[in-house]
């Protein structure tokens, strides 16, 4: 956990009320309930893991605009998601991501995996001026949207 390795960082676990009510106490982490489509707690950075692929572009735009409002100048949203290759390639990562994209459309009516350009467009449309992406493992990537 980030706060365990870096105790000077204070974390917020932000989720729906029924989820937060069952959350176990964690050192350096405050549990806050709410709706990400209404507002997001303020912070220097916001970490989203496997959130955006659950939602339509419109829902993602609303969430990312709320994140932008909650950040200071030069604040960042750190996003962990799979990045869909533009052209399928014969790799293990592609063999993982494309079936996941199909699953997202089945489990979440508006969910989908996105290409790097689609993520870049979501970030730009929400007001973020900076975008970086680093591929980590089997299609999983870490992206940084900078205010």
Protein backbone atom coordinates (compact mmCIF):
# COMPACT_ATOMS: atom_id res chain seq x y z
CA UNK A 1 0.00 0.00 0.00
CA UNK A 2 1.28 3.47 -0.87
CA UNK A 3 0.70 4.99 2.58
CA UNK A 4 2.54 2.10 4.28
CA UNK A 5 5.67 2.67 2.19
CA UNK A 6 5.35 6.47 2.32
CA UNK A 7 3.84 7.45 5.69
CA UNK A 8 4.08 11.19 4.89
CA UNK A 9 1.33 10.66 2.30
CA UNK A 10 -2.24 10.83 3.52
CA UNK A 11 -4.70 8.76 1.54
CA UNK A 12 -8.43 8.90 1.02
CA UNK A 13 -10.43 5.82 0.11
CA UNK A 14 -13.38 7.35 -1.72
CA UNK A 15 -16.29 5.07 -2.56
CA UNK A 16 -20.02 4.66 -2.27
CA UNK A 17 -21.48 4.82 1.27
CA UNK A 18 -22.32 1.10 1.45
CA UNK A 19 -18.74 0.21 0.46
CA UNK A 20 -17.05 2.65 2.85
CA UNK A 21 -19.23 1.50 5.75
CA UNK A 22 -17.57 -1.94 5.56
CA UNK A 23 -14.01 -0.65 5.00
CA UNK A 24 -11.39 -1.75 7.51
CA UNK A 25 -9.24 0.95 9.14
CA UNK A 26 -5.89 1.48 7.44
CA UNK A 27 -2.99 3.59 8.73
CA UNK A 28 -2.82 6.92 6.91
CA UNK A 29 -6.10 6.34 5.06
CA UNK A 30 -9.36 8.18 5.67
CA UNK A 31 -12.50 6.51 4.35
CA UNK A 32 -14.86 9.01 2.68
CA UNK A 33 -18.21 8.18 1.14
CA UNK A 34 -19.75 9.93 -1.81
CA UNK A 35 -20.59 9.82 -5.50
CA UNK A 36 -17.73 10.43 -7.92
CA UNK A 37 -20.17 11.81 -10.48
CA UNK A 38 -21.12 14.61 -8.07
CA UNK A 39 -17.76 15.55 -6.51
CA UNK A 40 -14.37 14.11 -5.63
CA UNK A 41 -12.41 14.91 -2.42
CA UNK A 42 -9.55 17.39 -2.81
CA UNK A 43 -6.01 16.06 -3.05
CA UNK A 44 -2.64 16.63 -4.69
CA UNK A 45 -3.13 13.45 -6.72
CA UNK A 46 -6.05 11.16 -7.45
CA UNK A 47 -5.50 7.47 -8.18
CA UNK A 48 -8.06 5.62 -10.32
CA UNK A 49 -7.54 1.90 -10.87
CA UNK A 50 -9.91 -0.02 -13.15
CA UNK A 51 -12.56 2.69 -12.92
CA UNK A 52 -12.76 4.32 -16.35
CA UNK A 53 -13.25 1.08 -18.28
CA UNK A 54 -16.55 0.56 -16.44
CA UNK A 55 -18.12 3.71 -17.87
CA UNK A 56 -19.15 5.51 -21.07
CA UNK A 57 -17.13 8.43 -22.41
CA UNK A 58 -19.80 10.79 -21.02
CA UNK A 59 -19.55 9.32 -17.51
CA UNK A 60 -15.74 9.36 -17.69
CA UNK A 61 -15.84 13.02 -18.75
CA UNK A 62 -17.99 13.90 -15.75
CA UNK A 63 -15.71 12.01 -13.33
CA UNK A 64 -12.51 13.46 -14.81
CA UNK A 65 -13.91 17.01 -14.70
CA UNK A 66 -14.71 16.44 -11.01
CA UNK A 67 -11.13 15.22 -10.50
CA UNK A 68 -9.80 18.33 -12.30
CA UNK A 69 -11.81 20.56 -9.94
CA UNK A 70 -10.47 18.69 -6.88
CA UNK A 71 -6.80 19.10 -7.83
CA UNK A 72 -4.44 22.03 -7.27
CA UNK A 73 -2.50 23.53 -10.17
CA UNK A 74 -0.08 20.84 -11.49
CA UNK A 75 -2.10 18.16 -9.63
CA UNK A 76 -2.35 14.74 -11.26
CA UNK A 77 -4.79 11.96 -11.87
CA UNK A 78 -2.97 8.64 -12.00
CA UNK A 79 -4.94 6.06 -13.97
CA UNK A 80 -4.27 2.32 -14.13
CA UNK A 81 -6.11 0.66 -17.00
CA UNK A 82 -5.42 -1.62 -19.92
CA UNK A 83 -4.69 0.23 -23.14
CA UNK A 84 -6.26 -1.35 -26.19
CA UNK A 85 -3.88 -1.60 -29.15
CA UNK A 86 -5.14 0.22 -32.23
CA UNK A 87 -4.28 -2.80 -34.36
CA UNK A 88 -4.43 -6.29 -32.85
CA UNK A 89 -1.00 -7.81 -32.60
CA UNK A 90 0.10 -11.37 -31.86
CA UNK A 91 1.05 -10.81 -28.24
CA UNK A 92 -0.10 -12.09 -24.87
CA UNK A 93 -1.15 -8.56 -23.93
CA UNK A 94 -3.51 -8.37 -26.91
CA UNK A 95 -4.85 -11.83 -26.10
CA UNK A 96 -5.71 -10.50 -22.62
CA UNK A 97 -7.07 -7.05 -23.56
CA UNK A 98 -9.43 -7.85 -26.43
CA UNK A 99 -11.42 -10.50 -24.48
CA UNK A 100 -11.50 -8.06 -21.55
CA UNK A 101 -13.01 -5.44 -23.86
CA UNK A 102 -15.77 -7.91 -24.79
CA UNK A 103 -16.36 -8.70 -21.09
CA UNK A 104 -16.64 -5.00 -20.26
CA UNK A 105 -19.37 -4.53 -22.85
CA UNK A 106 -21.24 -7.54 -21.44
CA UNK A 107 -20.90 -6.77 -17.72
CA UNK A 108 -21.19 -3.00 -17.98
CA UNK A 109 -23.50 -1.83 -20.75
CA UNK A 110 -21.38 1.24 -21.47
CA UNK A 111 -18.01 -0.14 -20.35
CA UNK A 112 -15.10 -0.61 -22.73
CA UNK A 113 -11.35 -0.71 -22.97
CA UNK A 114 -9.81 2.29 -24.74
CA UNK A 115 -6.82 3.08 -26.92
CA UNK A 116 -4.14 5.48 -25.74
CA UNK A 117 -5.57 8.17 -28.03
CA UNK A 118 -9.04 7.70 -26.53
CA UNK A 119 -7.58 8.16 -23.02
CA UNK A 120 -5.64 11.21 -24.22
CA UNK A 121 -8.87 12.70 -25.62
CA UNK A 122 -10.76 12.03 -22.35
CA UNK A 123 -8.00 13.79 -20.41
CA UNK A 124 -7.88 16.77 -22.77
CA UNK A 125 -11.67 17.15 -22.86
CA UNK A 126 -11.72 17.23 -19.03
CA UNK A 127 -9.21 20.09 -19.02
CA UNK A 128 -5.93 18.28 -18.37
CA UNK A 129 -2.98 19.74 -20.24
CA UNK A 130 -0.50 16.92 -19.72
CA UNK A 131 -0.71 13.23 -20.61
CA UNK A 132 1.86 10.47 -20.17
CA UNK A 133 1.46 6.72 -20.46
CA UNK A 134 3.78 3.89 -19.46
CA UNK A 135 3.00 0.30 -20.30
CA UNK A 136 3.61 -1.94 -17.31
CA UNK A 137 2.64 -5.57 -17.84
CA UNK A 138 0.30 -7.55 -20.12
CA UNK A 139 -1.42 -4.47 -21.47
CA UNK A 140 -1.77 -2.80 -18.06
CA UNK A 141 -0.63 0.78 -18.19
CA UNK A 142 -0.18 3.70 -15.84
CA UNK A 143 -1.28 7.04 -17.22
CA UNK A 144 -0.76 10.47 -15.76
CA UNK A 145 -3.18 13.32 -16.49
CA UNK A 146 -1.66 16.63 -15.33
CA UNK A 147 -3.71 19.75 -14.61
